[in-house]
Amino acid sequence: MTTPRLILRTWREEDLEPFAELNADERATQYLLHRLTRAQSDELVARIGAHFERTGFGLWAVEAPGVAPFIGAVGLVVPGFSAAFTPCVEIGWRLAPAFWGRGFASEAARAALAFGFEKAGLEEILSFTVPANQRSQAVMQRLGMTRSAAEDFDHPLVPAGHPLLRHVLYRMSKAAWLASTSAAGN
């Protein structure tokens, strides 16, 4: 998939090293339970490939032509845990801090939403993060996703008492997506 400034594509061997650096970066993983080793990061890419094979979508490697051959990953994932809102499809992003603040996450996420609603036939896409992650919440809001504080939840894979336990939940329906793209076209 392409956007005005980005390419969302399948993973390449040369993406493994910069993705491992991203997954070990203190700023990029600030709101995640763990930073990943190189082996864990490579294993994650293998799981991403298997997810694509199972569902037809997943986390795409993101390239910014003329800027960098790999800036991170953005896409759609079926979470592997049970909660009040699962089963579902989540949209997520992880970009290297050097590429923050340029609108790349929002631009790539819009392409992923378009794929989910227009090609994969999804009826709803969710996103979630910890309350302190204001950057990701700002992306969710720019995308037109909506939050209901009543749906905030304790993430079942985070240990009780951990500072990252509580999460906020955002939603976007296919109808809301189509309305927003229709309004943007006018």
N, C-alpha and C. Protein backbone atom coordinates (compact mmCIF):
# COMPACT_ATOMS: atom_id res chain seq x y z
N MET A 1 0.85 -1.18 0.00
CA MET A 1 0.00 0.00 0.00
C MET A 1 0.89 1.24 0.00
N THR A 2 0.41 2.27 -0.65
CA THR A 2 1.16 3.51 -0.65
C THR A 2 0.27 4.67 -0.19
N THR A 3 0.92 5.65 0.41
CA THR A 3 0.28 6.90 0.81
C THR A 3 1.11 7.99 0.15
N PRO A 4 0.76 9.25 0.32
CA PRO A 4 1.58 10.29 -0.31
C PRO A 4 3.06 10.23 0.07
N ARG A 5 3.39 9.79 1.30
CA ARG A 5 4.79 9.79 1.72
C ARG A 5 5.34 8.44 2.13
N LEU A 6 4.51 7.41 2.16
CA LEU A 6 4.92 6.14 2.75
C LEU A 6 4.56 4.95 1.89
N ILE A 7 5.27 3.86 2.16
CA ILE A 7 4.94 2.55 1.60
C ILE A 7 4.76 1.59 2.77
N LEU A 8 3.60 0.93 2.83
CA LEU A 8 3.36 -0.14 3.79
C LEU A 8 3.52 -1.43 3.01
N ARG A 9 4.45 -2.27 3.42
CA ARG A 9 4.84 -3.42 2.60
C ARG A 9 5.15 -4.64 3.46
N THR A 10 5.38 -5.75 2.75
CA THR A 10 5.80 -6.97 3.44
C THR A 10 7.21 -6.77 3.98
N TRP A 11 7.54 -7.61 4.92
CA TRP A 11 8.83 -7.52 5.60
C TRP A 11 9.95 -8.08 4.74
N ARG A 12 11.13 -7.49 4.89
CA ARG A 12 12.35 -7.93 4.21
C ARG A 12 13.41 -8.27 5.25
N GLU A 13 14.36 -9.06 4.85
CA GLU A 13 15.46 -9.43 5.73
C GLU A 13 16.17 -8.20 6.30
N GLU A 14 16.33 -7.16 5.48
CA GLU A 14 17.04 -5.96 5.94
C GLU A 14 16.23 -5.13 6.94
N ASP A 15 14.97 -5.48 7.17
CA ASP A 15 14.16 -4.79 8.18
C ASP A 15 14.43 -5.33 9.59
N LEU A 16 15.00 -6.52 9.69
CA LEU A 16 15.14 -7.17 10.99
C LEU A 16 16.02 -6.37 11.95
N GLU A 17 17.15 -5.87 11.48
CA GLU A 17 18.04 -5.13 12.37
C GLU A 17 17.42 -3.82 12.86
N PRO A 18 16.89 -2.96 11.96
CA PRO A 18 16.30 -1.73 12.49
C PRO A 18 15.05 -1.99 13.34
N PHE A 19 14.32 -3.07 13.07
CA PHE A 19 13.16 -3.40 13.90
C PHE A 19 13.63 -3.84 15.28
N ALA A 20 14.70 -4.61 15.35
CA ALA A 20 15.25 -5.02 16.64
C ALA A 20 15.73 -3.80 17.42
N GLU A 21 16.35 -2.84 16.73
CA GLU A 21 16.78 -1.61 17.41
C GLU A 21 15.56 -0.86 17.95
N LEU A 22 14.50 -0.79 17.16
CA LEU A 22 13.27 -0.13 17.60
C LEU A 22 12.68 -0.84 18.83
N ASN A 23 12.66 -2.16 18.81
CA ASN A 23 12.08 -2.93 19.91
C ASN A 23 12.94 -2.92 21.17
N ALA A 24 14.17 -2.44 21.06
CA ALA A 24 15.06 -2.32 22.22
C ALA A 24 15.19 -0.86 22.67
N ASP A 25 14.59 0.06 21.93
CA ASP A 25 14.71 1.48 22.22
C ASP A 25 13.88 1.87 23.45
N GLU A 26 14.49 2.56 24.38
CA GLU A 26 13.82 2.93 25.63
C GLU A 26 12.60 3.82 25.39
N ARG A 27 12.70 4.78 24.49
CA ARG A 27 11.57 5.68 24.25
C ARG A 27 10.44 4.96 23.51
N ALA A 28 10.79 4.15 22.51
CA ALA A 28 9.77 3.48 21.70
C ALA A 28 9.00 2.42 22.48
N THR A 29 9.62 1.87 23.51
CA THR A 29 9.00 0.80 24.29
C THR A 29 8.55 1.26 25.67
N GLN A 30 8.51 2.56 25.88
CA GLN A 30 8.18 3.14 27.18
C GLN A 30 6.86 2.62 27.74
N TYR A 31 5.88 2.36 26.88
CA TYR A 31 4.56 1.94 27.35
C TYR A 31 4.29 0.46 27.08
N LEU A 32 5.34 -0.30 26.88
CA LEU A 32 5.23 -1.75 26.69
C LEU A 32 5.83 -2.45 27.91
N LEU A 33 5.44 -3.68 28.15
CA LEU A 33 5.95 -4.41 29.31
C LEU A 33 7.45 -4.66 29.23
N HIS A 34 7.94 -4.96 28.01
CA HIS A 34 9.33 -5.36 27.89
C HIS A 34 9.95 -4.80 26.60
N ARG A 35 11.23 -4.54 26.67
CA ARG A 35 12.00 -4.34 25.45
C ARG A 35 12.36 -5.74 24.96
N LEU A 36 12.59 -5.86 23.66
CA LEU A 36 12.87 -7.18 23.10
C LEU A 36 14.34 -7.33 22.75
N THR A 37 14.84 -8.54 22.90
CA THR A 37 16.18 -8.87 22.40
C THR A 37 16.09 -9.03 20.89
N ARG A 38 17.21 -9.15 20.24
CA ARG A 38 17.21 -9.36 18.78
C ARG A 38 16.47 -10.65 18.44
N ALA A 39 16.70 -11.71 19.19
CA ALA A 39 16.02 -12.99 18.90
C ALA A 39 14.51 -12.84 19.09
N GLN A 40 14.08 -12.16 20.14
CA GLN A 40 12.64 -11.96 20.36
C GLN A 40 12.02 -11.09 19.27
N SER A 41 12.76 -10.09 18.82
CA SER A 41 12.27 -9.23 17.75
C SER A 41 12.13 -10.00 16.44
N ASP A 42 13.12 -10.82 16.13
CA ASP A 42 13.04 -11.66 14.93
C ASP A 42 11.87 -12.64 15.02
N GLU A 43 11.63 -13.18 16.22
CA GLU A 43 10.50 -14.09 16.43
C GLU A 43 9.18 -13.35 16.22
N LEU A 44 9.12 -12.09 16.65
CA LEU A 44 7.91 -11.29 16.43
C LEU A 44 7.64 -11.12 14.94
N VAL A 45 8.68 -10.87 14.15
CA VAL A 45 8.49 -10.74 12.70
C VAL A 45 7.96 -12.05 12.11
N ALA A 46 8.45 -13.18 12.61
CA ALA A 46 7.93 -14.48 12.14
C ALA A 46 6.45 -14.62 12.50
N ARG A 47 6.06 -14.19 13.70
CA ARG A 47 4.65 -14.24 14.10
C ARG A 47 3.80 -13.30 13.24
N ILE A 48 4.37 -12.15 12.89
CA ILE A 48 3.66 -11.21 12.01
C ILE A 48 3.38 -11.87 10.67
N GLY A 49 4.37 -12.57 10.13
CA GLY A 49 4.18 -13.29 8.86
C GLY A 49 3.10 -14.35 8.96
N ALA A 50 3.08 -15.09 10.07
CA ALA A 50 2.06 -16.12 10.27
C ALA A 50 0.67 -15.48 10.41
N HIS A 51 0.61 -14.31 11.04
CA HIS A 51 -0.66 -13.60 11.19
C HIS A 51 -1.20 -13.20 9.82
N PHE A 52 -0.33 -12.69 8.94
CA PHE A 52 -0.75 -12.35 7.57
C PHE A 52 -1.32 -13.58 6.85
N GLU A 53 -0.65 -14.72 7.01
CA GLU A 53 -1.12 -15.94 6.35
C GLU A 53 -2.49 -16.37 6.86
N ARG A 54 -2.73 -16.22 8.18
CA ARG A 54 -4.01 -16.61 8.78
C ARG A 54 -5.14 -15.65 8.43
N THR A 55 -4.87 -14.35 8.43
CA THR A 55 -5.95 -13.36 8.38
C THR A 55 -5.99 -12.52 7.11
N GLY A 56 -4.87 -12.45 6.38
CA GLY A 56 -4.80 -11.58 5.21
C GLY A 56 -4.38 -10.16 5.53
N PHE A 57 -4.11 -9.90 6.81
CA PHE A 57 -3.61 -8.59 7.22
C PHE A 57 -2.69 -8.78 8.42
N GLY A 58 -2.02 -7.70 8.80
CA GLY A 58 -1.09 -7.76 9.93
C GLY A 58 -0.36 -6.44 10.06
N LEU A 59 0.79 -6.48 10.69
CA LEU A 59 1.64 -5.29 10.79
C LEU A 59 2.52 -5.22 9.56
N TRP A 60 2.40 -4.13 8.82
CA TRP A 60 3.24 -3.93 7.65
C TRP A 60 4.51 -3.19 8.07
N ALA A 61 5.61 -3.50 7.39
CA ALA A 61 6.81 -2.68 7.53
C ALA A 61 6.52 -1.37 6.82
N VAL A 62 6.98 -0.26 7.41
CA VAL A 62 6.71 1.05 6.83
C VAL A 62 8.02 1.67 6.36
N GLU A 63 7.98 2.11 5.12
CA GLU A 63 9.13 2.74 4.46
C GLU A 63 8.74 4.17 4.10
N ALA A 64 9.69 5.09 4.26
CA ALA A 64 9.48 6.48 3.86
C ALA A 64 10.48 6.79 2.75
N PRO A 65 10.07 6.61 1.47
CA PRO A 65 11.00 6.81 0.36
C PRO A 65 11.67 8.19 0.42
N GLY A 66 12.97 8.18 0.22
CA GLY A 66 13.74 9.41 0.27
C GLY A 66 14.10 9.84 1.68
N VAL A 67 13.53 9.14 2.68
CA VAL A 67 13.80 9.46 4.08
C VAL A 67 14.52 8.29 4.75
N ALA A 68 13.90 7.11 4.70
CA ALA A 68 14.48 5.91 5.31
C ALA A 68 13.80 4.67 4.75
N PRO A 69 14.57 3.58 4.57
CA PRO A 69 13.99 2.35 4.04
C PRO A 69 13.10 1.61 5.05
N PHE A 70 13.21 1.96 6.34
CA PHE A 70 12.37 1.34 7.37
C PHE A 70 12.22 2.33 8.51
N ILE A 71 10.96 2.69 8.84
CA ILE A 71 10.75 3.62 9.95
C ILE A 71 9.95 2.97 11.09
N GLY A 72 9.40 1.78 10.85
CA GLY A 72 8.63 1.10 11.88
C GLY A 72 7.60 0.17 11.29
N ALA A 73 6.56 -0.10 12.08
CA ALA A 73 5.51 -1.03 11.67
C ALA A 73 4.14 -0.45 12.04
N VAL A 74 3.19 -0.63 11.15
CA VAL A 74 1.82 -0.17 11.37
C VAL A 74 0.89 -1.21 10.77
N GLY A 75 -0.22 -1.49 11.45
CA GLY A 75 -1.16 -2.42 10.85
C GLY A 75 -2.23 -2.91 11.77
N LEU A 76 -2.81 -4.02 11.38
CA LEU A 76 -3.99 -4.61 12.01
C LEU A 76 -3.64 -5.97 12.60
N VAL A 77 -4.07 -6.20 13.83
CA VAL A 77 -3.72 -7.43 14.53
C VAL A 77 -4.94 -7.95 15.29
N VAL A 78 -5.09 -9.26 15.34
CA VAL A 78 -6.08 -9.90 16.20
C VAL A 78 -5.38 -10.18 17.52
N PRO A 79 -5.79 -9.48 18.60
CA PRO A 79 -5.11 -9.70 19.89
C PRO A 79 -5.24 -11.14 20.37
N GLY A 80 -4.21 -11.60 21.05
CA GLY A 80 -4.17 -12.97 21.53
C GLY A 80 -4.57 -13.12 22.99
N PHE A 81 -5.50 -12.31 23.45
CA PHE A 81 -5.97 -12.42 24.82
C PHE A 81 -7.48 -12.24 24.84
N SER A 82 -8.09 -12.59 25.96
CA SER A 82 -9.54 -12.45 26.11
C SER A 82 -9.86 -11.24 26.98
N ALA A 83 -10.85 -10.47 26.52
CA ALA A 83 -11.34 -9.31 27.26
C ALA A 83 -12.80 -9.10 26.85
N ALA A 84 -13.47 -8.16 27.47
CA ALA A 84 -14.88 -7.91 27.17
C ALA A 84 -15.11 -7.58 25.70
N PHE A 85 -14.12 -7.01 25.02
CA PHE A 85 -14.27 -6.56 23.63
C PHE A 85 -13.66 -7.51 22.61
N THR A 86 -13.12 -8.66 23.04
CA THR A 86 -12.55 -9.61 22.09
C THR A 86 -13.58 -10.69 21.79
N PRO A 87 -13.48 -11.35 20.63
CA PRO A 87 -12.47 -11.15 19.59
C PRO A 87 -12.67 -9.81 18.86
N CYS A 88 -11.56 -9.28 18.39
CA CYS A 88 -11.60 -7.99 17.70
C CYS A 88 -10.37 -7.87 16.81
N VAL A 89 -10.29 -6.77 16.10
CA VAL A 89 -9.09 -6.41 15.34
C VAL A 89 -8.61 -5.07 15.88
N GLU A 90 -7.34 -5.03 16.20
CA GLU A 90 -6.72 -3.83 16.75
C GLU A 90 -5.83 -3.19 15.69
N ILE A 91 -5.82 -1.86 15.64
CA ILE A 91 -4.84 -1.15 14.84
C ILE A 91 -3.74 -0.67 15.78
N GLY A 92 -2.52 -0.82 15.33
CA GLY A 92 -1.39 -0.40 16.17
C GLY A 92 -0.24 0.12 15.33
N TRP A 93 0.69 0.77 15.99
CA TRP A 93 1.85 1.35 15.32
C TRP A 93 3.02 1.38 16.28
N ARG A 94 4.19 1.25 15.73
CA ARG A 94 5.45 1.41 16.47
C ARG A 94 6.46 1.98 15.49
N LEU A 95 6.78 3.25 15.67
CA LEU A 95 7.74 3.92 14.81
C LEU A 95 8.98 4.29 15.61
N ALA A 96 10.11 4.32 14.94
CA ALA A 96 11.36 4.74 15.58
C ALA A 96 11.22 6.21 15.98
N PRO A 97 11.69 6.58 17.18
CA PRO A 97 11.54 7.95 17.66
C PRO A 97 12.07 9.02 16.71
N ALA A 98 13.05 8.70 15.90
CA ALA A 98 13.57 9.67 14.93
C ALA A 98 12.51 10.12 13.93
N PHE A 99 11.42 9.35 13.82
CA PHE A 99 10.38 9.65 12.84
C PHE A 99 9.07 10.10 13.50
N TRP A 100 9.10 10.37 14.80
CA TRP A 100 7.93 10.87 15.50
C TRP A 100 7.70 12.34 15.14
N GLY A 101 6.46 12.77 15.28
CA GLY A 101 6.14 14.18 15.10
C GLY A 101 6.05 14.65 13.67
N ARG A 102 6.03 13.74 12.72
CA ARG A 102 5.95 14.08 11.29
C ARG A 102 4.63 13.66 10.66
N GLY A 103 3.74 13.08 11.45
CA GLY A 103 2.46 12.62 10.92
C GLY A 103 2.52 11.27 10.24
N PHE A 104 3.66 10.59 10.33
CA PHE A 104 3.80 9.29 9.66
C PHE A 104 2.87 8.24 10.27
N ALA A 105 2.74 8.20 11.60
CA ALA A 105 1.88 7.18 12.23
C ALA A 105 0.44 7.36 11.78
N SER A 106 -0.05 8.59 11.78
CA SER A 106 -1.44 8.84 11.36
C SER A 106 -1.63 8.49 9.89
N GLU A 107 -0.69 8.86 9.05
CA GLU A 107 -0.80 8.60 7.61
C GLU A 107 -0.82 7.10 7.32
N ALA A 108 0.09 6.36 7.96
CA ALA A 108 0.13 4.91 7.75
C ALA A 108 -1.11 4.24 8.35
N ALA A 109 -1.55 4.72 9.50
CA ALA A 109 -2.72 4.13 10.15
C ALA A 109 -3.98 4.35 9.31
N ARG A 110 -4.10 5.51 8.66
CA ARG A 110 -5.25 5.72 7.77
C ARG A 110 -5.27 4.70 6.65
N ALA A 111 -4.10 4.39 6.10
CA ALA A 111 -4.03 3.37 5.05
C ALA A 111 -4.43 2.00 5.59
N ALA A 112 -4.00 1.69 6.82
CA ALA A 112 -4.36 0.41 7.43
C ALA A 112 -5.87 0.34 7.70
N LEU A 113 -6.46 1.45 8.17
CA LEU A 113 -7.91 1.48 8.37
C LEU A 113 -8.64 1.27 7.05
N ALA A 114 -8.18 1.95 6.00
CA ALA A 114 -8.81 1.80 4.68
C ALA A 114 -8.75 0.35 4.25
N PHE A 115 -7.60 -0.30 4.43
CA PHE A 115 -7.48 -1.70 4.07
C PHE A 115 -8.47 -2.54 4.89
N GLY A 116 -8.50 -2.31 6.19
CA GLY A 116 -9.38 -3.10 7.06
C GLY A 116 -10.85 -2.99 6.70
N PHE A 117 -11.30 -1.76 6.46
CA PHE A 117 -12.72 -1.55 6.18
C PHE A 117 -13.09 -1.81 4.72
N GLU A 118 -12.22 -1.42 3.81
CA GLU A 118 -12.57 -1.48 2.39
C GLU A 118 -12.13 -2.76 1.69
N LYS A 119 -11.08 -3.41 2.17
CA LYS A 119 -10.59 -4.63 1.52
C LYS A 119 -10.85 -5.89 2.36
N ALA A 120 -10.59 -5.79 3.66
CA ALA A 120 -10.76 -6.96 4.54
C ALA A 120 -12.19 -7.12 5.02
N GLY A 121 -13.04 -6.12 4.81
CA GLY A 121 -14.44 -6.22 5.17
C GLY A 121 -14.73 -6.18 6.66
N LEU A 122 -13.83 -5.57 7.44
CA LEU A 122 -14.05 -5.49 8.88
C LEU A 122 -15.18 -4.50 9.18
N GLU A 123 -15.92 -4.77 10.24
CA GLU A 123 -17.01 -3.88 10.65
C GLU A 123 -16.58 -2.90 11.74
N GLU A 124 -15.50 -3.24 12.45
CA GLU A 124 -15.01 -2.37 13.52
C GLU A 124 -13.53 -2.63 13.74
N ILE A 125 -12.80 -1.58 14.10
CA ILE A 125 -11.38 -1.70 14.44
C ILE A 125 -11.18 -0.94 15.74
N LEU A 126 -10.43 -1.55 16.67
CA LEU A 126 -10.16 -0.97 17.98
C LEU A 126 -8.70 -0.57 18.10
N SER A 127 -8.41 0.23 19.10
CA SER A 127 -7.04 0.54 19.47
C SER A 127 -7.02 0.79 20.97
N PHE A 128 -5.91 0.47 21.61
CA PHE A 128 -5.82 0.68 23.05
C PHE A 128 -4.39 0.94 23.45
N THR A 129 -4.24 1.64 24.56
CA THR A 129 -2.93 1.97 25.12
C THR A 129 -3.12 2.36 26.58
N VAL A 130 -2.03 2.63 27.25
CA VAL A 130 -2.11 3.10 28.63
C VAL A 130 -2.48 4.58 28.63
N PRO A 131 -3.14 5.06 29.69
CA PRO A 131 -3.56 6.47 29.73
C PRO A 131 -2.41 7.46 29.55
N ALA A 132 -1.23 7.12 30.01
CA ALA A 132 -0.10 8.04 29.91
C ALA A 132 0.42 8.21 28.47
N ASN A 133 0.07 7.30 27.58
CA ASN A 133 0.57 7.37 26.21
C ASN A 133 -0.26 8.36 25.39
N GLN A 134 -0.02 9.61 25.65
CA GLN A 134 -0.78 10.68 24.98
C GLN A 134 -0.49 10.75 23.49
N ARG A 135 0.71 10.40 23.07
CA ARG A 135 1.05 10.45 21.64
C ARG A 135 0.17 9.48 20.85
N SER A 136 0.04 8.25 21.34
CA SER A 136 -0.79 7.27 20.63
C SER A 136 -2.26 7.65 20.71
N GLN A 137 -2.70 8.17 21.84
CA GLN A 137 -4.10 8.60 21.92
C GLN A 137 -4.37 9.74 20.94
N ALA A 138 -3.40 10.61 20.74
CA ALA A 138 -3.59 11.71 19.78
C ALA A 138 -3.74 11.15 18.37
N VAL A 139 -2.99 10.09 18.04
CA VAL A 139 -3.14 9.46 16.72
C VAL A 139 -4.55 8.87 16.61
N MET A 140 -5.01 8.17 17.64
CA MET A 140 -6.34 7.58 17.61
C MET A 140 -7.40 8.65 17.37
N GLN A 141 -7.25 9.77 18.04
CA GLN A 141 -8.21 10.87 17.89
C GLN A 141 -8.14 11.48 16.49
N ARG A 142 -6.92 11.66 15.96
CA ARG A 142 -6.79 12.19 14.59
C ARG A 142 -7.43 11.26 13.57
N LEU A 143 -7.41 9.98 13.86
CA LEU A 143 -8.02 9.00 12.96
C LEU A 143 -9.55 9.04 13.03
N GLY A 144 -10.09 9.70 14.04
CA GLY A 144 -11.54 9.76 14.22
C GLY A 144 -12.08 8.66 15.11
N MET A 145 -11.19 7.95 15.80
CA MET A 145 -11.63 6.91 16.72
C MET A 145 -12.22 7.57 17.96
N THR A 146 -13.14 6.87 18.61
CA THR A 146 -13.79 7.43 19.80
C THR A 146 -13.54 6.54 21.01
N ARG A 147 -13.46 7.21 22.16
CA ARG A 147 -13.22 6.52 23.42
C ARG A 147 -14.43 6.65 24.32
N SER A 148 -14.74 5.58 25.02
CA SER A 148 -15.73 5.61 26.08
C SER A 148 -14.99 5.20 27.35
N ALA A 149 -14.89 6.11 28.31
CA ALA A 149 -14.15 5.82 29.55
C ALA A 149 -14.72 4.59 30.26
N ALA A 150 -16.00 4.29 30.03
CA ALA A 150 -16.61 3.11 30.65
C ALA A 150 -15.98 1.81 30.14
N GLU A 151 -15.30 1.87 29.00
CA GLU A 151 -14.67 0.67 28.43
C GLU A 151 -13.19 0.55 28.77
N ASP A 152 -12.63 1.49 29.52
CA ASP A 152 -11.24 1.34 29.96
C ASP A 152 -11.13 0.01 30.70
N PHE A 153 -9.97 -0.62 30.60
CA PHE A 153 -9.85 -1.98 31.14
C PHE A 153 -8.46 -2.25 31.68
N ASP A 154 -8.37 -3.27 32.50
CA ASP A 154 -7.08 -3.77 32.96
C ASP A 154 -6.63 -4.83 31.96
N HIS A 155 -5.46 -4.62 31.37
CA HIS A 155 -4.96 -5.55 30.35
C HIS A 155 -4.67 -6.91 30.98
N PRO A 156 -5.26 -7.96 30.45
CA PRO A 156 -5.11 -9.28 31.08
C PRO A 156 -3.69 -9.86 31.01
N LEU A 157 -2.82 -9.32 30.19
CA LEU A 157 -1.45 -9.84 30.11
C LEU A 157 -0.46 -9.02 30.95
N VAL A 158 -0.97 -8.00 31.65
CA VAL A 158 -0.13 -7.17 32.50
C VAL A 158 -0.37 -7.56 33.96
N PRO A 159 0.71 -7.78 34.72
CA PRO A 159 0.54 -8.21 36.12
C PRO A 159 -0.23 -7.18 36.96
N ALA A 160 -1.03 -7.68 37.89
CA ALA A 160 -1.76 -6.81 38.82
C ALA A 160 -0.78 -5.89 39.53
N GLY A 161 -1.19 -4.64 39.68
CA GLY A 161 -0.34 -3.68 40.38
C GLY A 161 0.71 -3.01 39.51
N HIS A 162 0.90 -3.50 38.30
CA HIS A 162 1.90 -2.91 37.40
C HIS A 162 1.39 -1.55 36.90
N PRO A 163 2.29 -0.56 36.74
CA PRO A 163 1.84 0.76 36.28
C PRO A 163 1.22 0.77 34.88
N LEU A 164 1.45 -0.27 34.08
CA LEU A 164 0.89 -0.34 32.72
C LEU A 164 -0.38 -1.20 32.66
N LEU A 165 -0.94 -1.54 33.81
CA LEU A 165 -2.12 -2.41 33.84
C LEU A 165 -3.34 -1.78 33.18
N ARG A 166 -3.66 -0.55 33.52
CA ARG A 166 -4.88 0.10 33.02
C ARG A 166 -4.69 0.57 31.59
N HIS A 167 -5.70 0.34 30.76
CA HIS A 167 -5.67 0.74 29.35
C HIS A 167 -6.94 1.50 28.98
N VAL A 168 -6.81 2.39 28.02
CA VAL A 168 -7.96 3.08 27.44
C VAL A 168 -8.26 2.41 26.11
N LEU A 169 -9.54 2.39 25.74
CA LEU A 169 -9.99 1.70 24.53
C LEU A 169 -10.66 2.69 23.59
N TYR A 170 -10.24 2.68 22.33
CA TYR A 170 -10.84 3.51 21.28
C TYR A 170 -11.43 2.59 20.23
N ARG A 171 -12.50 3.05 19.58
CA ARG A 171 -13.19 2.27 18.56
C ARG A 171 -13.44 3.11 17.31
N MET A 172 -13.53 2.41 16.17
CA MET A 172 -14.04 3.02 14.95
C MET A 172 -14.84 1.97 14.21
N SER A 173 -16.06 2.34 13.84
CA SER A 173 -16.91 1.43 13.07
C SER A 173 -16.69 1.69 11.58
N LYS A 174 -17.07 0.71 10.80
CA LYS A 174 -17.00 0.88 9.34
C LYS A 174 -17.87 2.06 8.91
N ALA A 175 -19.05 2.20 9.51
CA ALA A 175 -19.96 3.31 9.16
C ALA A 175 -19.29 4.65 9.44
N ALA A 176 -18.61 4.76 10.60
CA ALA A 176 -17.92 6.02 10.93
C ALA A 176 -16.78 6.27 9.95
N TRP A 177 -16.06 5.22 9.57
CA TRP A 177 -14.97 5.35 8.60
C TRP A 177 -15.52 5.85 7.26
N LEU A 178 -16.57 5.22 6.78
CA LEU A 178 -17.14 5.62 5.49
C LEU A 178 -17.65 7.04 5.56
N ALA A 179 -18.27 7.44 6.66
CA ALA A 179 -18.77 8.82 6.81
C ALA A 179 -17.60 9.80 6.79
N SER A 180 -16.50 9.45 7.46
CA SER A 180 -15.35 10.37 7.51
C SER A 180 -14.67 10.48 6.15
N THR A 181 -14.60 9.38 5.41
CA THR A 181 -13.96 9.46 4.09
C THR A 181 -14.87 10.17 3.10
N SER A 182 -16.18 10.01 3.27
CA SER A 182 -17.12 10.72 2.41
C SER A 182 -17.06 12.22 2.67
N ALA A 183 -16.99 12.60 3.95
CA ALA A 183 -16.91 14.02 4.30
C ALA A 183 -15.59 14.62 3.81
N ALA A 184 -14.50 13.84 3.87
CA ALA A 184 -13.21 14.34 3.41
C ALA A 184 -13.21 14.54 1.90
N GLY A 185 -14.00 13.75 1.19
CA GLY A 185 -14.05 13.86 -0.27
C GLY A 185 -14.89 15.03 -0.75
N ASN A 186 -15.68 15.63 0.12
CA ASN A 186 -16.54 16.76 -0.27
C ASN A 186 -15.81 18.08 -0.19
